[in-house]
Amino acid sequence: MSSTAALGQIDINANPPVPMSRLAQVEVRKALDTRAGRWFAASIIGLVLVVEVIYALVADDADKNYGDFLSIAGGVLGYFLPILIIMLVTSEASQRNGLVTFTLEPRRPRVVVAKFVAGIVLAVAVMIMGAAMALIGTFIGIASGASPEWSVDGNLFFNGFVLANVIGVFVGFAIAMLLMNTPAAIVGYFAYSLILPIAVGILSALSSGFEKVAPWIEFNTAQTPLFMGDYQPSGEEWAQIAVSGTIWLIIPLVLGIMRLLRIEFK
């Protein structure tokens, strides 16, 4: 009996763990393997191109610089890129493959890290393609008679394009981790990015006291100094970004990870 039991045992300790790079590759593939993920990623790039072409045809020639087209690409990506990340994070719940994922890799924190790395990889790839669409828009502007400037202000590129979209990815990731449901996370993200700033603006206009408090509790308001030309935030404004970022990023992410570690997938 002991020999039979010995033959039926598998020593998994002798097997090397799955590399993090492989887990991240799997998550990237999962994000693009489904028709919804693949077509949504393509639709984001297509929408950027459509907006760039329309802008190139209707804008004044003086406003057809590469920096202008890059700002447009960043604005479009800022609304839709986080949704791609949300779909990536909530795939286990929406596609009901969580049991498979966490059986193959039972250490759930490693899956969370892999999803985050995959999300950053996808975001960088989409941003590069968005910058390429801005190039196409600039060339269309040249064809329409404009003489654009090709130089881009460093603050516009790093803060207005890269940083703004990276923050959006972080917010989408945190909301998705907290809710673990694709429709709810998408609605939550649009409520955060569209409805909440409007509500805060109205309350700030009605109350000067709330206007002073808003940057400490609302992340969109606190980020505003980062995207104002070459303006450099003060120490107090950095503190507001840190406090509101903790409320809207760190706390939801921590609660979401705690929930993921305890949830039972079926």
C-alpha atoms as a PDB file:
ATOM      1  CA  MET A   1       0.000   0.000   0.000  1.00  0.00           C
ATOM      2  CA  SER A   2       2.820   2.377   0.808  1.00  0.00           C
ATOM      3  CA  SER A   3       4.467   1.721  -2.537  1.00  0.00           C
ATOM      4  CA  THR A   4       1.174   2.387  -4.327  1.00  0.00           C
ATOM      5  CA  ALA A   5       0.724   5.676  -2.441  1.00  0.00           C
ATOM      6  CA  ALA A   6       4.280   6.641  -3.278  1.00  0.00           C
ATOM      7  CA  LEU A   7       3.665   5.990  -6.945  1.00  0.00           C
ATOM      8  CA  GLY A   8       0.527   8.171  -6.869  1.00  0.00           C
ATOM      9  CA  GLN A   9       2.274  11.179  -5.322  1.00  0.00           C
ATOM     10  CA  ILE A  10       3.533  14.152  -7.299  1.00  0.00           C
ATOM     11  CA  ASP A  11       6.288  16.265  -5.802  1.00  0.00           C
ATOM     12  CA  ILE A  12       5.490  19.752  -7.032  1.00  0.00           C
ATOM     13  CA  ASN A  13       8.287  21.259  -4.948  1.00  0.00           C
ATOM     14  CA  ALA A  14      10.772  19.925  -7.477  1.00  0.00           C
ATOM     15  CA  ASN A  15       9.160  21.929 -10.287  1.00  0.00           C
ATOM     16  CA  PRO A  16      10.369  25.512 -10.859  1.00  0.00           C
ATOM     17  CA  PRO A  17       7.724  28.234 -10.432  1.00  0.00           C
ATOM     18  CA  VAL A  18       6.137  29.786 -13.482  1.00  0.00           C
ATOM     19  CA  PRO A  19       8.229  32.846 -14.468  1.00  0.00           C
ATOM     20  CA  MET A  20       6.553  36.207 -14.017  1.00  0.00           C
ATOM     21  CA  SER A  21       7.331  37.061 -17.639  1.00  0.00           C
ATOM     22  CA  ARG A  22       5.320  34.043 -18.789  1.00  0.00           C
ATOM     23  CA  LEU A  23       2.391  34.963 -16.555  1.00  0.00           C
ATOM     24  CA  ALA A  24       2.417  38.502 -17.968  1.00  0.00           C
ATOM     25  CA  GLN A  25       2.531  37.131 -21.532  1.00  0.00           C
ATOM     26  CA  VAL A  26      -0.468  34.937 -20.755  1.00  0.00           C
ATOM     27  CA  GLU A  27      -2.404  37.925 -19.410  1.00  0.00           C
ATOM     28  CA  VAL A  28      -1.607  39.993 -22.513  1.00  0.00           C
ATOM     29  CA  ARG A  29      -2.756  37.114 -24.712  1.00  0.00           C
ATOM     30  CA  LYS A  30      -5.937  36.697 -22.661  1.00  0.00           C
ATOM     31  CA  ALA A  31      -6.700  40.399 -23.108  1.00  0.00           C
ATOM     32  CA  LEU A  32      -6.477  40.138 -26.902  1.00  0.00           C
ATOM     33  CA  ASP A  33      -7.624  36.567 -27.547  1.00  0.00           C
ATOM     34  CA  THR A  34     -11.319  37.320 -27.081  1.00  0.00           C
ATOM     35  CA  ARG A  35     -13.246  39.120 -29.797  1.00  0.00           C
ATOM     36  CA  ALA A  36     -14.359  41.768 -27.312  1.00  0.00           C
ATOM     37  CA  GLY A  37     -10.817  42.580 -26.181  1.00  0.00           C
ATOM     38  CA  ARG A  38      -9.281  42.416 -29.655  1.00  0.00           C
ATOM     39  CA  TRP A  39     -11.953  44.564 -31.307  1.00  0.00           C
ATOM     40  CA  PHE A  40     -12.068  47.046 -28.460  1.00  0.00           C
ATOM     41  CA  ALA A  41      -8.294  47.591 -28.672  1.00  0.00           C
ATOM     42  CA  ALA A  42      -8.578  48.055 -32.437  1.00  0.00           C
ATOM     43  CA  SER A  43     -11.553  50.381 -31.959  1.00  0.00           C
ATOM     44  CA  ILE A  44      -9.568  52.649 -29.635  1.00  0.00           C
ATOM     45  CA  ILE A  45      -6.865  53.129 -32.269  1.00  0.00           C
ATOM     46  CA  GLY A  46      -9.497  53.526 -34.997  1.00  0.00           C
ATOM     47  CA  LEU A  47     -11.327  56.175 -32.966  1.00  0.00           C
ATOM     48  CA  VAL A  48      -8.090  58.091 -32.406  1.00  0.00           C
ATOM     49  CA  LEU A  49      -7.438  58.042 -36.154  1.00  0.00           C
ATOM     50  CA  VAL A  50     -10.972  59.229 -36.982  1.00  0.00           C
ATOM     51  CA  VAL A  51     -10.748  62.117 -34.525  1.00  0.00           C
ATOM     52  CA  GLU A  52      -7.305  63.067 -35.831  1.00  0.00           C
ATOM     53  CA  VAL A  53      -8.541  63.112 -39.448  1.00  0.00           C
ATOM     54  CA  ILE A  54     -11.579  65.240 -38.560  1.00  0.00           C
ATOM     55  CA  TYR A  55      -9.405  67.665 -36.619  1.00  0.00           C
ATOM     56  CA  ALA A  56      -6.902  67.878 -39.498  1.00  0.00           C
ATOM     57  CA  LEU A  57      -9.705  68.813 -41.890  1.00  0.00           C
ATOM     58  CA  VAL A  58     -11.577  71.377 -39.795  1.00  0.00           C
ATOM     59  CA  ALA A  59      -8.983  73.032 -37.522  1.00  0.00           C
ATOM     60  CA  ASP A  60      -7.165  76.248 -38.313  1.00  0.00           C
ATOM     61  CA  ASP A  61      -3.769  75.802 -39.945  1.00  0.00           C
ATOM     62  CA  ALA A  62      -2.088  77.450 -36.944  1.00  0.00           C
ATOM     63  CA  ASP A  63      -3.464  74.713 -34.672  1.00  0.00           C
ATOM     64  CA  LYS A  64      -2.210  71.741 -36.698  1.00  0.00           C
ATOM     65  CA  ASN A  65       1.111  71.225 -34.945  1.00  0.00           C
ATOM     66  CA  TYR A  66       2.189  67.748 -33.899  1.00  0.00           C
ATOM     67  CA  GLY A  67       1.697  68.707 -30.265  1.00  0.00           C
ATOM     68  CA  ASP A  68      -1.942  69.557 -30.977  1.00  0.00           C
ATOM     69  CA  PHE A  69      -2.561  66.172 -32.582  1.00  0.00           C
ATOM     70  CA  LEU A  70      -0.735  64.449 -29.720  1.00  0.00           C
ATOM     71  CA  SER A  71      -2.984  66.194 -27.194  1.00  0.00           C
ATOM     72  CA  ILE A  72      -6.054  64.962 -29.077  1.00  0.00           C
ATOM     73  CA  ALA A  73      -4.721  61.399 -29.113  1.00  0.00           C
ATOM     74  CA  GLY A  74      -4.007  61.604 -25.378  1.00  0.00           C
ATOM     75  CA  GLY A  75      -7.504  62.889 -24.669  1.00  0.00           C
ATOM     76  CA  VAL A  76      -9.178  60.043 -26.559  1.00  0.00           C
ATOM     77  CA  LEU A  77      -6.937  57.424 -24.953  1.00  0.00           C
ATOM     78  CA  GLY A  78      -7.566  58.907 -21.523  1.00  0.00           C
ATOM     79  CA  TYR A  79     -11.247  57.968 -21.714  1.00  0.00           C
ATOM     80  CA  PHE A  80     -11.006  54.526 -23.315  1.00  0.00           C
ATOM     81  CA  LEU A  81      -7.607  53.022 -22.466  1.00  0.00           C
ATOM     82  CA  PRO A  82      -8.597  52.325 -18.817  1.00  0.00           C
ATOM     83  CA  ILE A  83     -11.562  50.279 -20.074  1.00  0.00           C
ATOM     84  CA  LEU A  84      -9.143  47.919 -21.818  1.00  0.00           C
ATOM     85  CA  ILE A  85      -7.318  47.507 -18.506  1.00  0.00           C
ATOM     86  CA  ILE A  86     -10.625  46.927 -16.702  1.00  0.00           C
ATOM     87  CA  MET A  87     -11.519  44.135 -19.133  1.00  0.00           C
ATOM     88  CA  LEU A  88      -8.092  42.578 -18.529  1.00  0.00           C
ATOM     89  CA  VAL A  89      -8.392  42.653 -14.730  1.00  0.00           C
ATOM     90  CA  THR A  90     -11.986  41.389 -14.572  1.00  0.00           C
ATOM     91  CA  SER A  91     -11.516  38.593 -17.128  1.00  0.00           C
ATOM     92  CA  GLU A  92     -11.584  35.886 -14.441  1.00  0.00           C
ATOM     93  CA  ALA A  93     -15.012  37.007 -13.267  1.00  0.00           C
ATOM     94  CA  SER A  94     -16.526  37.951 -16.633  1.00  0.00           C
ATOM     95  CA  GLN A  95     -15.284  34.892 -18.551  1.00  0.00           C
ATOM     96  CA  ARG A  96     -15.505  32.523 -15.559  1.00  0.00           C
ATOM     97  CA  ASN A  97     -11.983  31.198 -15.999  1.00  0.00           C
ATOM     98  CA  GLY A  98     -10.805  32.129 -12.515  1.00  0.00           C
ATOM     99  CA  LEU A  99     -10.791  28.508 -11.382  1.00  0.00           C
ATOM    100  CA  VAL A 100      -8.405  27.614 -14.199  1.00  0.00           C
ATOM    101  CA  THR A 101      -6.172  30.644 -13.637  1.00  0.00           C
ATOM    102  CA  PHE A 102      -5.758  30.141  -9.908  1.00  0.00           C
ATOM    103  CA  THR A 103      -5.362  26.382 -10.215  1.00  0.00           C
ATOM    104  CA  LEU A 104      -2.455  26.790 -12.612  1.00  0.00           C
ATOM    105  CA  GLU A 105      -1.027  29.597 -10.456  1.00  0.00           C
ATOM    106  CA  PRO A 106      -2.424  29.295  -6.916  1.00  0.00           C
ATOM    107  CA  ARG A 107      -0.351  32.218  -5.622  1.00  0.00           C
ATOM    108  CA  ARG A 108      -2.889  34.915  -6.386  1.00  0.00           C
ATOM    109  CA  PRO A 109      -0.642  37.944  -5.668  1.00  0.00           C
ATOM    110  CA  ARG A 110       1.584  36.835  -8.556  1.00  0.00           C
ATOM    111  CA  VAL A 111      -1.445  36.863 -10.857  1.00  0.00           C
ATOM    112  CA  VAL A 112      -2.268  40.406  -9.701  1.00  0.00           C
ATOM    113  CA  VAL A 113       1.291  41.531 -10.469  1.00  0.00           C
ATOM    114  CA  ALA A 114       1.155  39.787 -13.860  1.00  0.00           C
ATOM    115  CA  LYS A 115      -2.094  41.569 -14.698  1.00  0.00           C
ATOM    116  CA  PHE A 116      -0.588  44.902 -13.728  1.00  0.00           C
ATOM    117  CA  VAL A 117       2.521  44.301 -15.842  1.00  0.00           C
ATOM    118  CA  ALA A 118       0.349  43.178 -18.759  1.00  0.00           C
ATOM    119  CA  GLY A 119      -1.802  46.279 -18.354  1.00  0.00           C
ATOM    120  CA  ILE A 120       1.244  48.549 -18.504  1.00  0.00           C
ATOM    121  CA  VAL A 121       2.537  46.705 -21.583  1.00  0.00           C
ATOM    122  CA  LEU A 122      -0.826  47.089 -23.341  1.00  0.00           C
ATOM    123  CA  ALA A 123      -1.065  50.750 -22.321  1.00  0.00           C
ATOM    124  CA  VAL A 124       2.419  51.522 -23.656  1.00  0.00           C
ATOM    125  CA  ALA A 125       1.666  49.728 -26.929  1.00  0.00           C
ATOM    126  CA  VAL A 126      -1.615  51.614 -27.387  1.00  0.00           C
ATOM    127  CA  MET A 127       0.032  54.947 -26.519  1.00  0.00           C
ATOM    128  CA  ILE A 128       2.762  54.324 -29.106  1.00  0.00           C
ATOM    129  CA  MET A 129       0.103  53.628 -31.725  1.00  0.00           C
ATOM    130  CA  GLY A 130      -1.773  56.741 -30.572  1.00  0.00           C
ATOM    131  CA  ALA A 131       1.386  58.802 -31.124  1.00  0.00           C
ATOM    132  CA  ALA A 132       1.640  57.240 -34.595  1.00  0.00           C
ATOM    133  CA  MET A 133      -1.960  58.276 -35.309  1.00  0.00           C
ATOM    134  CA  ALA A 134      -0.973  61.815 -34.295  1.00  0.00           C
ATOM    135  CA  LEU A 135       1.783  61.635 -36.916  1.00  0.00           C
ATOM    136  CA  ILE A 136      -0.773  60.630 -39.545  1.00  0.00           C
ATOM    137  CA  GLY A 137      -3.005  63.518 -38.499  1.00  0.00           C
ATOM    138  CA  THR A 138      -0.071  65.926 -38.824  1.00  0.00           C
ATOM    139  CA  PHE A 139       0.702  64.694 -42.345  1.00  0.00           C
ATOM    140  CA  ILE A 140      -2.964  65.127 -43.295  1.00  0.00           C
ATOM    141  CA  GLY A 141      -2.705  68.653 -41.934  1.00  0.00           C
ATOM    142  CA  ILE A 142       0.295  69.262 -44.178  1.00  0.00           C
ATOM    143  CA  ALA A 143      -1.682  67.957 -47.150  1.00  0.00           C
ATOM    144  CA  SER A 144      -4.439  70.454 -46.328  1.00  0.00           C
ATOM    145  CA  GLY A 145      -1.997  73.366 -46.486  1.00  0.00           C
ATOM    146  CA  ALA A 146      -0.660  73.674 -42.909  1.00  0.00           C
ATOM    147  CA  SER A 147       2.982  74.146 -41.924  1.00  0.00           C
ATOM    148  CA  PRO A 148       3.118  72.407 -38.543  1.00  0.00           C
ATOM    149  CA  GLU A 149       5.725  72.562 -35.827  1.00  0.00           C
ATOM    150  CA  TRP A 150       7.126  69.121 -35.082  1.00  0.00           C
ATOM    151  CA  SER A 151       8.667  69.920 -31.715  1.00  0.00           C
ATOM    152  CA  VAL A 152       6.645  68.947 -28.649  1.00  0.00           C
ATOM    153  CA  ASP A 153       6.822  70.640 -25.272  1.00  0.00           C
ATOM    154  CA  GLY A 154       8.294  68.224 -22.723  1.00  0.00           C
ATOM    155  CA  ASN A 155       5.588  68.946 -20.144  1.00  0.00           C
ATOM    156  CA  LEU A 156       2.881  68.313 -22.755  1.00  0.00           C
ATOM    157  CA  PHE A 157       4.405  64.982 -23.717  1.00  0.00           C
ATOM    158  CA  PHE A 158       5.318  63.587 -20.291  1.00  0.00           C
ATOM    159  CA  ASN A 159       2.468  65.055 -18.242  1.00  0.00           C
ATOM    160  CA  GLY A 160      -0.324  65.603 -20.739  1.00  0.00           C
ATOM    161  CA  PHE A 161       0.180  62.410 -22.736  1.00  0.00           C
ATOM    162  CA  VAL A 162       2.202  59.806 -20.820  1.00  0.00           C
ATOM    163  CA  LEU A 163       1.447  60.622 -17.179  1.00  0.00           C
ATOM    164  CA  ALA A 164      -2.243  61.345 -17.742  1.00  0.00           C
ATOM    165  CA  ASN A 165      -2.772  57.977 -19.423  1.00  0.00           C
ATOM    166  CA  VAL A 166      -0.669  56.092 -16.871  1.00  0.00           C
ATOM    167  CA  ILE A 167      -2.779  57.594 -14.072  1.00  0.00           C
ATOM    168  CA  GLY A 168      -5.894  56.506 -15.972  1.00  0.00           C
ATOM    169  CA  VAL A 169      -4.500  52.973 -16.167  1.00  0.00           C
ATOM    170  CA  PHE A 170      -3.860  52.971 -12.411  1.00  0.00           C
ATOM    171  CA  VAL A 171      -7.381  54.207 -11.679  1.00  0.00           C
ATOM    172  CA  GLY A 172      -8.959  51.652 -14.019  1.00  0.00           C
ATOM    173  CA  PHE A 173      -6.865  48.884 -12.461  1.00  0.00           C
ATOM    174  CA  ALA A 174      -7.840  49.905  -8.909  1.00  0.00           C
ATOM    175  CA  ILE A 175     -11.564  50.159  -9.694  1.00  0.00           C
ATOM    176  CA  ALA A 176     -11.514  46.819 -11.529  1.00  0.00           C
ATOM    177  CA  MET A 177      -9.723  45.108  -8.639  1.00  0.00           C
ATOM    178  CA  LEU A 178     -12.254  46.502  -6.173  1.00  0.00           C
ATOM    179  CA  LEU A 179     -15.409  45.547  -8.102  1.00  0.00           C
ATOM    180  CA  MET A 180     -14.210  42.488 -10.120  1.00  0.00           C
ATOM    181  CA  ASN A 181     -17.152  42.917 -12.491  1.00  0.00           C
ATOM    182  CA  THR A 182     -16.702  44.327 -15.988  1.00  0.00           C
ATOM    183  CA  PRO A 183     -19.963  46.335 -16.387  1.00  0.00           C
ATOM    184  CA  ALA A 184     -19.837  47.665 -12.832  1.00  0.00           C
ATOM    185  CA  ALA A 185     -16.166  48.663 -13.155  1.00  0.00           C
ATOM    186  CA  ILE A 186     -16.764  50.447 -16.483  1.00  0.00           C
ATOM    187  CA  VAL A 187     -19.720  52.362 -15.021  1.00  0.00           C
ATOM    188  CA  GLY A 188     -17.658  53.145 -11.925  1.00  0.00           C
ATOM    189  CA  TYR A 189     -14.789  54.459 -14.033  1.00  0.00           C
ATOM    190  CA  PHE A 190     -16.999  56.770 -16.098  1.00  0.00           C
ATOM    191  CA  ALA A 191     -18.702  57.975 -12.923  1.00  0.00           C
ATOM    192  CA  TYR A 192     -15.252  58.778 -11.517  1.00  0.00           C
ATOM    193  CA  SER A 193     -13.895  60.440 -14.677  1.00  0.00           C
ATOM    194  CA  LEU A 194     -17.019  62.257 -15.934  1.00  0.00           C
ATOM    195  CA  ILE A 195     -19.734  62.629 -13.303  1.00  0.00           C
ATOM    196  CA  LEU A 196     -17.583  63.211 -10.222  1.00  0.00           C
ATOM    197  CA  PRO A 197     -15.589  66.180 -11.662  1.00  0.00           C
ATOM    198  CA  ILE A 198     -18.846  67.875 -12.745  1.00  0.00           C
ATOM    199  CA  ALA A 199     -20.365  67.399  -9.300  1.00  0.00           C
ATOM    200  CA  VAL A 200     -17.212  68.707  -7.609  1.00  0.00           C
ATOM    201  CA  GLY A 201     -17.136  71.711  -9.946  1.00  0.00           C
ATOM    202  CA  ILE A 202     -20.740  72.595  -9.112  1.00  0.00           C
ATOM    203  CA  LEU A 203     -20.166  72.248  -5.373  1.00  0.00           C
ATOM    204  CA  SER A 204     -16.948  74.288  -5.593  1.00  0.00           C
ATOM    205  CA  ALA A 205     -18.823  77.077  -7.400  1.00  0.00           C
ATOM    206  CA  LEU A 206     -21.506  77.095  -4.698  1.00  0.00           C
ATOM    207  CA  SER A 207     -19.166  76.889  -1.705  1.00  0.00           C
ATOM    208  CA  SER A 208     -15.738  78.477  -1.349  1.00  0.00           C
ATOM    209  CA  GLY A 209     -15.094  76.196   1.621  1.00  0.00           C
ATOM    210  CA  PHE A 210     -15.651  73.083  -0.451  1.00  0.00           C
ATOM    211  CA  GLU A 211     -13.426  74.518  -3.203  1.00  0.00           C
ATOM    212  CA  LYS A 212     -10.512  74.488  -0.743  1.00  0.00           C
ATOM    213  CA  VAL A 213     -11.273  70.950   0.417  1.00  0.00           C
ATOM    214  CA  ALA A 214     -11.924  69.435  -3.038  1.00  0.00           C
ATOM    215  CA  PRO A 215      -8.257  68.910  -4.091  1.00  0.00           C
ATOM    216  CA  TRP A 216      -7.666  66.923  -0.887  1.00  0.00           C
ATOM    217  CA  ILE A 217     -10.488  64.458  -1.510  1.00  0.00           C
ATOM    218  CA  GLU A 218     -11.023  64.402  -5.301  1.00  0.00           C
ATOM    219  CA  PHE A 219      -8.204  63.029  -7.449  1.00  0.00           C
ATOM    220  CA  ASN A 220      -9.223  64.671 -10.741  1.00  0.00           C
ATOM    221  CA  THR A 221      -9.151  68.116  -9.138  1.00  0.00           C
ATOM    222  CA  ALA A 222      -5.804  67.460  -7.463  1.00  0.00           C
ATOM    223  CA  GLN A 223      -4.204  66.425 -10.776  1.00  0.00           C
ATOM    224  CA  THR A 224      -5.093  69.682 -12.556  1.00  0.00           C
ATOM    225  CA  PRO A 225      -1.749  71.450 -11.842  1.00  0.00           C
ATOM    226  CA  LEU A 226       0.107  68.626 -13.586  1.00  0.00           C
ATOM    227  CA  PHE A 227      -1.491  69.448 -16.936  1.00  0.00           C
ATOM    228  CA  MET A 228      -1.323  73.272 -16.960  1.00  0.00           C
ATOM    229  CA  GLY A 229       1.385  73.980 -19.542  1.00  0.00           C
ATOM    230  CA  ASP A 230       4.807  74.261 -17.924  1.00  0.00           C
ATOM    231  CA  TYR A 231       3.349  74.897 -14.480  1.00  0.00           C
ATOM    232  CA  GLN A 232       5.116  73.100 -11.611  1.00  0.00           C
ATOM    233  CA  PRO A 233       2.937  72.044  -8.639  1.00  0.00           C
ATOM    234  CA  SER A 234       3.798  73.433  -5.218  1.00  0.00           C
ATOM    235  CA  GLY A 235       4.494  71.339  -2.145  1.00  0.00           C
ATOM    236  CA  GLU A 236       0.885  71.674  -0.975  1.00  0.00           C
ATOM    237  CA  GLU A 237      -0.407  70.585  -4.376  1.00  0.00           C
ATOM    238  CA  TRP A 238       1.852  67.516  -4.336  1.00  0.00           C
ATOM    239  CA  ALA A 239       0.442  66.723  -0.887  1.00  0.00           C
ATOM    240  CA  GLN A 240      -3.098  67.036  -2.282  1.00  0.00           C
ATOM    241  CA  ILE A 241      -2.196  64.642  -5.106  1.00  0.00           C
ATOM    242  CA  ALA A 242      -0.770  62.172  -2.573  1.00  0.00           C
ATOM    243  CA  VAL A 243      -3.784  62.320  -0.239  1.00  0.00           C
ATOM    244  CA  SER A 244      -6.478  62.142  -2.913  1.00  0.00           C
ATOM    245  CA  GLY A 245      -4.456  59.488  -4.771  1.00  0.00           C
ATOM    246  CA  THR A 246      -4.418  57.389  -1.627  1.00  0.00           C
ATOM    247  CA  ILE A 247      -8.209  57.696  -1.392  1.00  0.00           C
ATOM    248  CA  TRP A 248      -8.925  56.862  -5.026  1.00  0.00           C
ATOM    249  CA  LEU A 249      -6.003  54.569  -5.880  1.00  0.00           C
ATOM    250  CA  ILE A 250      -4.285  52.939  -2.918  1.00  0.00           C
ATOM    251  CA  ILE A 251      -7.309  52.153  -0.752  1.00  0.00           C
ATOM    252  CA  PRO A 252      -9.461  50.646  -3.572  1.00  0.00           C
ATOM    253  CA  LEU A 253      -6.460  48.638  -4.792  1.00  0.00           C
ATOM    254  CA  VAL A 254      -5.689  47.251  -1.326  1.00  0.00           C
ATOM    255  CA  LEU A 255      -9.338  46.369  -0.700  1.00  0.00           C
ATOM    256  CA  GLY A 256      -9.561  44.767  -4.138  1.00  0.00           C
ATOM    257  CA  ILE A 257      -6.466  42.627  -3.569  1.00  0.00           C
ATOM    258  CA  MET A 258      -7.782  41.533  -0.170  1.00  0.00           C
ATOM    259  CA  ARG A 259     -11.081  40.565  -1.818  1.00  0.00           C
ATOM    260  CA  LEU A 260      -9.315  38.671  -4.600  1.00  0.00           C
ATOM    261  CA  LEU A 261      -7.279  36.685  -2.087  1.00  0.00           C
ATOM    262  CA  ARG A 262     -10.468  35.507  -0.359  1.00  0.00           C
ATOM    263  CA  ILE A 263     -13.009  35.189  -3.166  1.00  0.00           C
ATOM    264  CA  GLU A 264     -14.065  31.696  -4.240  1.00  0.00           C
ATOM    265  CA  PHE A 265     -14.127  31.208  -8.001  1.00  0.00           C
ATOM    266  CA  LYS A 266     -16.470  28.619  -9.484  1.00  0.00           C
END
